[in-house]
Amino acid sequence: MKGNFNTDYGKVVIENNVIARLAGMTAVGCFGIVGMAALSKRDGIVKLLTRNSLTKGIKVTVENNDITIDFHVIVAFGVAISAVAENLISNVKYQVESITGFNVKKINIYVEGVRVID
């Protein structure tokens, strides 16, 4: 289902991939996030996604204009995962709610790997 709202001039529909892209761009700017992750179903290997394919590591569900976002991320080695998660949740929640006008009901974070940053 897609997020939508009515105005005096008609209906506005926001596709889930737009919300996912917005959430992904916000997430990679957060402290401790190396990037989004994709799990290969065939061989079970996790790979770091490029900026062009951020949405593959994010799943967005919209029900009654309440948004649930699932992140599959790779975090930087040496940082507290709980601090990274709290930072990610607050930044994404603020950005998505302020831009779309919809409520972010839940953000789930799945840490798929850890990387050393040079």
N, C-alpha and C. Protein backbone atom coordinates (compact mmCIF):
# COMPACT_ATOMS: atom_id res chain seq x y z
N MET A 1 0.83 -1.18 0.00
CA MET A 1 0.00 0.00 0.00
C MET A 1 0.88 1.25 0.00
N LYS A 2 0.41 2.30 -0.60
CA LYS A 2 1.16 3.54 -0.72
C LYS A 2 0.58 4.59 0.22
N GLY A 3 1.43 5.54 0.61
CA GLY A 3 0.95 6.65 1.41
C GLY A 3 0.25 7.66 0.51
N ASN A 4 -0.86 8.21 0.97
CA ASN A 4 -1.56 9.20 0.16
C ASN A 4 -2.35 10.14 1.05
N PHE A 5 -2.63 11.31 0.51
CA PHE A 5 -3.48 12.27 1.19
C PHE A 5 -4.17 13.13 0.14
N ASN A 6 -5.30 13.71 0.54
CA ASN A 6 -6.09 14.54 -0.36
C ASN A 6 -5.85 16.01 -0.07
N THR A 7 -5.84 16.80 -1.13
CA THR A 7 -5.75 18.25 -1.01
C THR A 7 -6.97 18.85 -1.67
N ASP A 8 -7.08 20.16 -1.65
CA ASP A 8 -8.20 20.84 -2.33
C ASP A 8 -8.14 20.64 -3.84
N TYR A 9 -6.95 20.31 -4.35
CA TYR A 9 -6.76 20.20 -5.80
C TYR A 9 -6.69 18.76 -6.29
N GLY A 10 -6.68 17.81 -5.40
CA GLY A 10 -6.61 16.41 -5.82
C GLY A 10 -5.88 15.55 -4.80
N LYS A 11 -5.48 14.39 -5.24
CA LYS A 11 -4.86 13.39 -4.37
C LYS A 11 -3.35 13.34 -4.62
N VAL A 12 -2.58 13.18 -3.53
CA VAL A 12 -1.13 13.03 -3.62
C VAL A 12 -0.80 11.62 -3.14
N VAL A 13 -0.07 10.87 -3.97
CA VAL A 13 0.33 9.51 -3.63
C VAL A 13 1.85 9.45 -3.59
N ILE A 14 2.41 8.91 -2.49
CA ILE A 14 3.85 8.79 -2.36
C ILE A 14 4.20 7.31 -2.42
N GLU A 15 4.97 6.92 -3.43
CA GLU A 15 5.37 5.53 -3.62
C GLU A 15 6.31 5.09 -2.50
N ASN A 16 6.26 3.81 -2.17
CA ASN A 16 7.13 3.25 -1.13
C ASN A 16 8.61 3.41 -1.46
N ASN A 17 8.97 3.29 -2.76
CA ASN A 17 10.39 3.41 -3.11
C ASN A 17 10.90 4.84 -2.92
N VAL A 18 10.03 5.83 -2.97
CA VAL A 18 10.43 7.21 -2.69
C VAL A 18 10.76 7.36 -1.21
N ILE A 19 9.91 6.78 -0.37
CA ILE A 19 10.15 6.81 1.08
C ILE A 19 11.44 6.04 1.40
N ALA A 20 11.63 4.89 0.75
CA ALA A 20 12.84 4.09 0.97
C ALA A 20 14.09 4.86 0.56
N ARG A 21 14.05 5.55 -0.55
CA ARG A 21 15.20 6.33 -1.02
C ARG A 21 15.52 7.45 -0.03
N LEU A 22 14.50 8.15 0.42
CA LEU A 22 14.67 9.22 1.41
C LEU A 22 15.29 8.66 2.70
N ALA A 23 14.76 7.55 3.17
CA ALA A 23 15.28 6.93 4.38
C ALA A 23 16.72 6.46 4.19
N GLY A 24 17.04 5.91 3.02
CA GLY A 24 18.39 5.44 2.73
C GLY A 24 19.40 6.56 2.67
N MET A 25 19.03 7.66 2.02
CA MET A 25 19.94 8.80 1.93
C MET A 25 20.20 9.39 3.32
N THR A 26 19.17 9.41 4.16
CA THR A 26 19.34 9.89 5.52
C THR A 26 20.22 8.93 6.32
N ALA A 27 20.00 7.64 6.16
CA ALA A 27 20.73 6.63 6.93
C ALA A 27 22.22 6.64 6.65
N VAL A 28 22.62 6.75 5.39
CA VAL A 28 24.06 6.71 5.08
C VAL A 28 24.79 7.96 5.58
N GLY A 29 24.04 8.99 5.93
CA GLY A 29 24.65 10.18 6.51
C GLY A 29 24.79 10.09 8.02
N CYS A 30 24.27 9.04 8.61
CA CYS A 30 24.32 8.87 10.07
C CYS A 30 25.67 8.33 10.51
N PHE A 31 26.12 8.79 11.67
CA PHE A 31 27.38 8.34 12.26
C PHE A 31 27.34 6.84 12.49
N GLY A 32 28.39 6.15 12.05
CA GLY A 32 28.53 4.72 12.30
C GLY A 32 27.94 3.80 11.26
N ILE A 33 27.18 4.36 10.32
CA ILE A 33 26.59 3.54 9.25
C ILE A 33 27.55 3.55 8.07
N VAL A 34 28.03 2.36 7.68
CA VAL A 34 28.91 2.25 6.52
C VAL A 34 28.07 2.23 5.25
N GLY A 35 26.92 1.56 5.31
CA GLY A 35 26.04 1.51 4.16
C GLY A 35 24.93 0.50 4.35
N MET A 36 24.11 0.36 3.31
CA MET A 36 23.03 -0.62 3.31
C MET A 36 23.59 -1.97 2.89
N ALA A 37 22.93 -3.04 3.31
CA ALA A 37 23.39 -4.38 3.01
C ALA A 37 22.32 -5.15 2.24
N ALA A 38 22.77 -6.04 1.38
CA ALA A 38 21.88 -6.95 0.68
C ALA A 38 22.38 -8.36 0.92
N LEU A 39 21.46 -9.24 1.23
CA LEU A 39 21.80 -10.63 1.47
C LEU A 39 21.48 -11.43 0.23
N SER A 40 22.48 -12.13 -0.29
CA SER A 40 22.26 -12.98 -1.45
C SER A 40 21.49 -14.23 -1.01
N LYS A 41 20.32 -14.42 -1.57
CA LYS A 41 19.49 -15.57 -1.21
C LYS A 41 20.14 -16.89 -1.65
N ARG A 42 20.91 -16.84 -2.71
CA ARG A 42 21.51 -18.06 -3.26
C ARG A 42 22.62 -18.59 -2.38
N ASP A 43 23.55 -17.72 -1.95
CA ASP A 43 24.69 -18.22 -1.19
C ASP A 43 24.82 -17.62 0.21
N GLY A 44 23.88 -16.77 0.63
CA GLY A 44 23.87 -16.25 1.99
C GLY A 44 24.95 -15.24 2.30
N ILE A 45 25.56 -14.64 1.30
CA ILE A 45 26.64 -13.67 1.50
C ILE A 45 26.05 -12.26 1.54
N VAL A 46 26.52 -11.47 2.51
CA VAL A 46 26.09 -10.08 2.65
C VAL A 46 27.02 -9.20 1.85
N LYS A 47 26.45 -8.26 1.07
CA LYS A 47 27.31 -7.34 0.34
C LYS A 47 26.88 -5.91 0.59
N LEU A 48 27.85 -5.02 0.56
CA LEU A 48 27.61 -3.60 0.74
C LEU A 48 27.06 -3.01 -0.54
N LEU A 49 25.95 -2.31 -0.44
CA LEU A 49 25.31 -1.73 -1.62
C LEU A 49 25.90 -0.34 -1.91
N THR A 50 25.92 0.01 -3.19
CA THR A 50 26.37 1.35 -3.59
C THR A 50 25.26 2.36 -3.34
N ARG A 51 25.60 3.63 -3.42
CA ARG A 51 24.60 4.68 -3.23
C ARG A 51 23.46 4.59 -4.24
N ASN A 52 23.73 4.04 -5.42
CA ASN A 52 22.69 3.94 -6.45
C ASN A 52 21.66 2.86 -6.16
N SER A 53 21.99 1.93 -5.27
CA SER A 53 21.06 0.84 -4.98
C SER A 53 20.71 0.77 -3.49
N LEU A 54 20.61 1.91 -2.85
CA LEU A 54 20.32 1.97 -1.42
C LEU A 54 19.00 1.30 -1.06
N THR A 55 18.00 1.44 -1.90
CA THR A 55 16.67 0.96 -1.56
C THR A 55 16.59 -0.56 -1.47
N LYS A 56 17.57 -1.28 -1.99
CA LYS A 56 17.54 -2.74 -1.90
C LYS A 56 17.77 -3.23 -0.48
N GLY A 57 18.36 -2.42 0.36
CA GLY A 57 18.58 -2.79 1.76
C GLY A 57 17.51 -2.25 2.69
N ILE A 58 16.43 -1.71 2.11
CA ILE A 58 15.37 -1.09 2.91
C ILE A 58 14.02 -1.58 2.43
N LYS A 59 13.16 -1.94 3.39
CA LYS A 59 11.80 -2.33 3.06
C LYS A 59 10.86 -1.35 3.75
N VAL A 60 9.94 -0.77 2.99
CA VAL A 60 8.97 0.18 3.52
C VAL A 60 7.57 -0.41 3.40
N THR A 61 6.82 -0.33 4.50
CA THR A 61 5.43 -0.75 4.51
C THR A 61 4.59 0.42 5.00
N VAL A 62 3.51 0.72 4.28
CA VAL A 62 2.63 1.82 4.67
C VAL A 62 1.23 1.26 4.86
N GLU A 63 0.67 1.48 6.06
CA GLU A 63 -0.71 1.09 6.37
C GLU A 63 -1.39 2.27 7.03
N ASN A 64 -2.45 2.76 6.41
CA ASN A 64 -3.19 3.92 6.94
C ASN A 64 -2.28 5.11 7.21
N ASN A 65 -1.34 5.34 6.32
CA ASN A 65 -0.36 6.42 6.40
C ASN A 65 0.56 6.32 7.61
N ASP A 66 0.67 5.13 8.20
CA ASP A 66 1.67 4.83 9.22
C ASP A 66 2.77 4.02 8.54
N ILE A 67 4.01 4.47 8.69
CA ILE A 67 5.14 3.87 7.97
C ILE A 67 5.94 2.96 8.89
N THR A 68 6.28 1.78 8.38
CA THR A 68 7.23 0.88 9.03
C THR A 68 8.41 0.72 8.08
N ILE A 69 9.63 0.91 8.61
CA ILE A 69 10.83 0.82 7.77
C ILE A 69 11.76 -0.23 8.36
N ASP A 70 12.20 -1.17 7.52
CA ASP A 70 13.19 -2.18 7.89
C ASP A 70 14.50 -1.83 7.20
N PHE A 71 15.56 -1.67 7.99
CA PHE A 71 16.89 -1.38 7.47
C PHE A 71 17.78 -2.61 7.63
N HIS A 72 18.54 -2.93 6.60
CA HIS A 72 19.60 -3.93 6.67
C HIS A 72 20.89 -3.15 6.46
N VAL A 73 21.68 -3.01 7.54
CA VAL A 73 22.83 -2.11 7.49
C VAL A 73 24.13 -2.81 7.83
N ILE A 74 25.21 -2.15 7.43
CA ILE A 74 26.56 -2.52 7.84
C ILE A 74 27.09 -1.36 8.66
N VAL A 75 27.58 -1.66 9.87
CA VAL A 75 28.05 -0.60 10.76
C VAL A 75 29.57 -0.58 10.82
N ALA A 76 30.10 0.54 11.27
CA ALA A 76 31.54 0.70 11.40
C ALA A 76 32.04 -0.05 12.63
N PHE A 77 33.21 -0.65 12.49
CA PHE A 77 33.84 -1.36 13.60
C PHE A 77 34.25 -0.37 14.68
N GLY A 78 33.99 -0.73 15.94
CA GLY A 78 34.45 0.09 17.06
C GLY A 78 33.43 1.08 17.59
N VAL A 79 32.26 1.16 16.99
CA VAL A 79 31.23 2.07 17.50
C VAL A 79 30.15 1.25 18.21
N ALA A 80 29.50 1.86 19.17
CA ALA A 80 28.43 1.19 19.90
C ALA A 80 27.21 1.05 18.99
N ILE A 81 26.81 -0.19 18.75
CA ILE A 81 25.69 -0.43 17.85
C ILE A 81 24.42 0.23 18.39
N SER A 82 24.23 0.23 19.71
CA SER A 82 23.03 0.85 20.28
C SER A 82 23.00 2.35 19.99
N ALA A 83 24.15 3.02 20.06
CA ALA A 83 24.22 4.45 19.76
C ALA A 83 23.95 4.72 18.28
N VAL A 84 24.50 3.87 17.42
CA VAL A 84 24.27 4.00 15.98
C VAL A 84 22.78 3.82 15.68
N ALA A 85 22.16 2.81 16.30
CA ALA A 85 20.74 2.53 16.07
C ALA A 85 19.86 3.70 16.54
N GLU A 86 20.14 4.23 17.72
CA GLU A 86 19.36 5.37 18.22
C GLU A 86 19.49 6.58 17.31
N ASN A 87 20.70 6.85 16.84
CA ASN A 87 20.96 7.96 15.93
C ASN A 87 20.21 7.75 14.61
N LEU A 88 20.30 6.56 14.07
CA LEU A 88 19.61 6.23 12.82
C LEU A 88 18.10 6.40 12.96
N ILE A 89 17.54 5.87 14.03
CA ILE A 89 16.10 5.95 14.24
C ILE A 89 15.64 7.40 14.35
N SER A 90 16.32 8.20 15.16
CA SER A 90 15.87 9.58 15.34
C SER A 90 16.01 10.41 14.06
N ASN A 91 17.13 10.25 13.34
CA ASN A 91 17.32 11.02 12.10
C ASN A 91 16.33 10.63 11.02
N VAL A 92 16.14 9.33 10.81
CA VAL A 92 15.23 8.87 9.76
C VAL A 92 13.79 9.24 10.11
N LYS A 93 13.41 9.04 11.36
CA LYS A 93 12.04 9.38 11.79
C LYS A 93 11.75 10.86 11.54
N TYR A 94 12.68 11.72 11.94
CA TYR A 94 12.49 13.16 11.75
C TYR A 94 12.37 13.52 10.26
N GLN A 95 13.31 13.04 9.44
CA GLN A 95 13.32 13.38 8.02
C GLN A 95 12.08 12.87 7.30
N VAL A 96 11.74 11.61 7.50
CA VAL A 96 10.60 11.03 6.79
C VAL A 96 9.30 11.69 7.22
N GLU A 97 9.12 11.91 8.51
CA GLU A 97 7.89 12.54 8.97
C GLU A 97 7.78 13.98 8.50
N SER A 98 8.90 14.73 8.52
CA SER A 98 8.82 16.13 8.11
C SER A 98 8.61 16.29 6.61
N ILE A 99 9.15 15.38 5.80
CA ILE A 99 9.01 15.52 4.35
C ILE A 99 7.69 14.93 3.85
N THR A 100 7.27 13.77 4.38
CA THR A 100 6.05 13.14 3.88
C THR A 100 4.79 13.58 4.62
N GLY A 101 4.94 13.96 5.89
CA GLY A 101 3.77 14.30 6.69
C GLY A 101 3.10 13.08 7.29
N PHE A 102 3.65 11.90 7.06
CA PHE A 102 3.10 10.66 7.62
C PHE A 102 3.81 10.30 8.91
N ASN A 103 3.17 9.47 9.73
CA ASN A 103 3.73 9.02 10.99
C ASN A 103 4.63 7.80 10.76
N VAL A 104 5.85 7.83 11.31
CA VAL A 104 6.72 6.66 11.28
C VAL A 104 6.40 5.86 12.53
N LYS A 105 5.73 4.74 12.32
CA LYS A 105 5.26 3.90 13.43
C LYS A 105 6.38 3.05 14.02
N LYS A 106 7.22 2.49 13.14
CA LYS A 106 8.26 1.57 13.61
C LYS A 106 9.44 1.58 12.66
N ILE A 107 10.66 1.50 13.24
CA ILE A 107 11.88 1.34 12.45
C ILE A 107 12.62 0.13 13.01
N ASN A 108 12.81 -0.88 12.18
CA ASN A 108 13.54 -2.08 12.56
C ASN A 108 14.92 -2.04 11.92
N ILE A 109 15.95 -2.33 12.70
CA ILE A 109 17.32 -2.30 12.19
C ILE A 109 17.92 -3.69 12.32
N TYR A 110 18.39 -4.21 11.20
CA TYR A 110 19.06 -5.51 11.16
C TYR A 110 20.52 -5.25 10.79
N VAL A 111 21.41 -5.49 11.73
CA VAL A 111 22.83 -5.29 11.48
C VAL A 111 23.35 -6.55 10.80
N GLU A 112 23.73 -6.42 9.54
CA GLU A 112 24.14 -7.56 8.73
C GLU A 112 25.66 -7.76 8.70
N GLY A 113 26.39 -6.73 9.15
CA GLY A 113 27.84 -6.86 9.13
C GLY A 113 28.53 -5.68 9.79
N VAL A 114 29.84 -5.85 9.99
CA VAL A 114 30.68 -4.81 10.58
C VAL A 114 31.87 -4.63 9.65
N ARG A 115 32.25 -3.39 9.39
CA ARG A 115 33.40 -3.09 8.53
C ARG A 115 34.36 -2.14 9.21
N VAL A 116 35.63 -2.34 8.96
CA VAL A 116 36.65 -1.42 9.43
C VAL A 116 36.73 -0.28 8.42
N ILE A 117 36.72 0.95 8.93
CA ILE A 117 36.82 2.12 8.07
C ILE A 117 38.24 2.65 8.15
N ASP A 118 38.85 2.91 7.00
CA ASP A 118 40.23 3.44 6.96
C ASP A 118 40.28 4.88 7.35
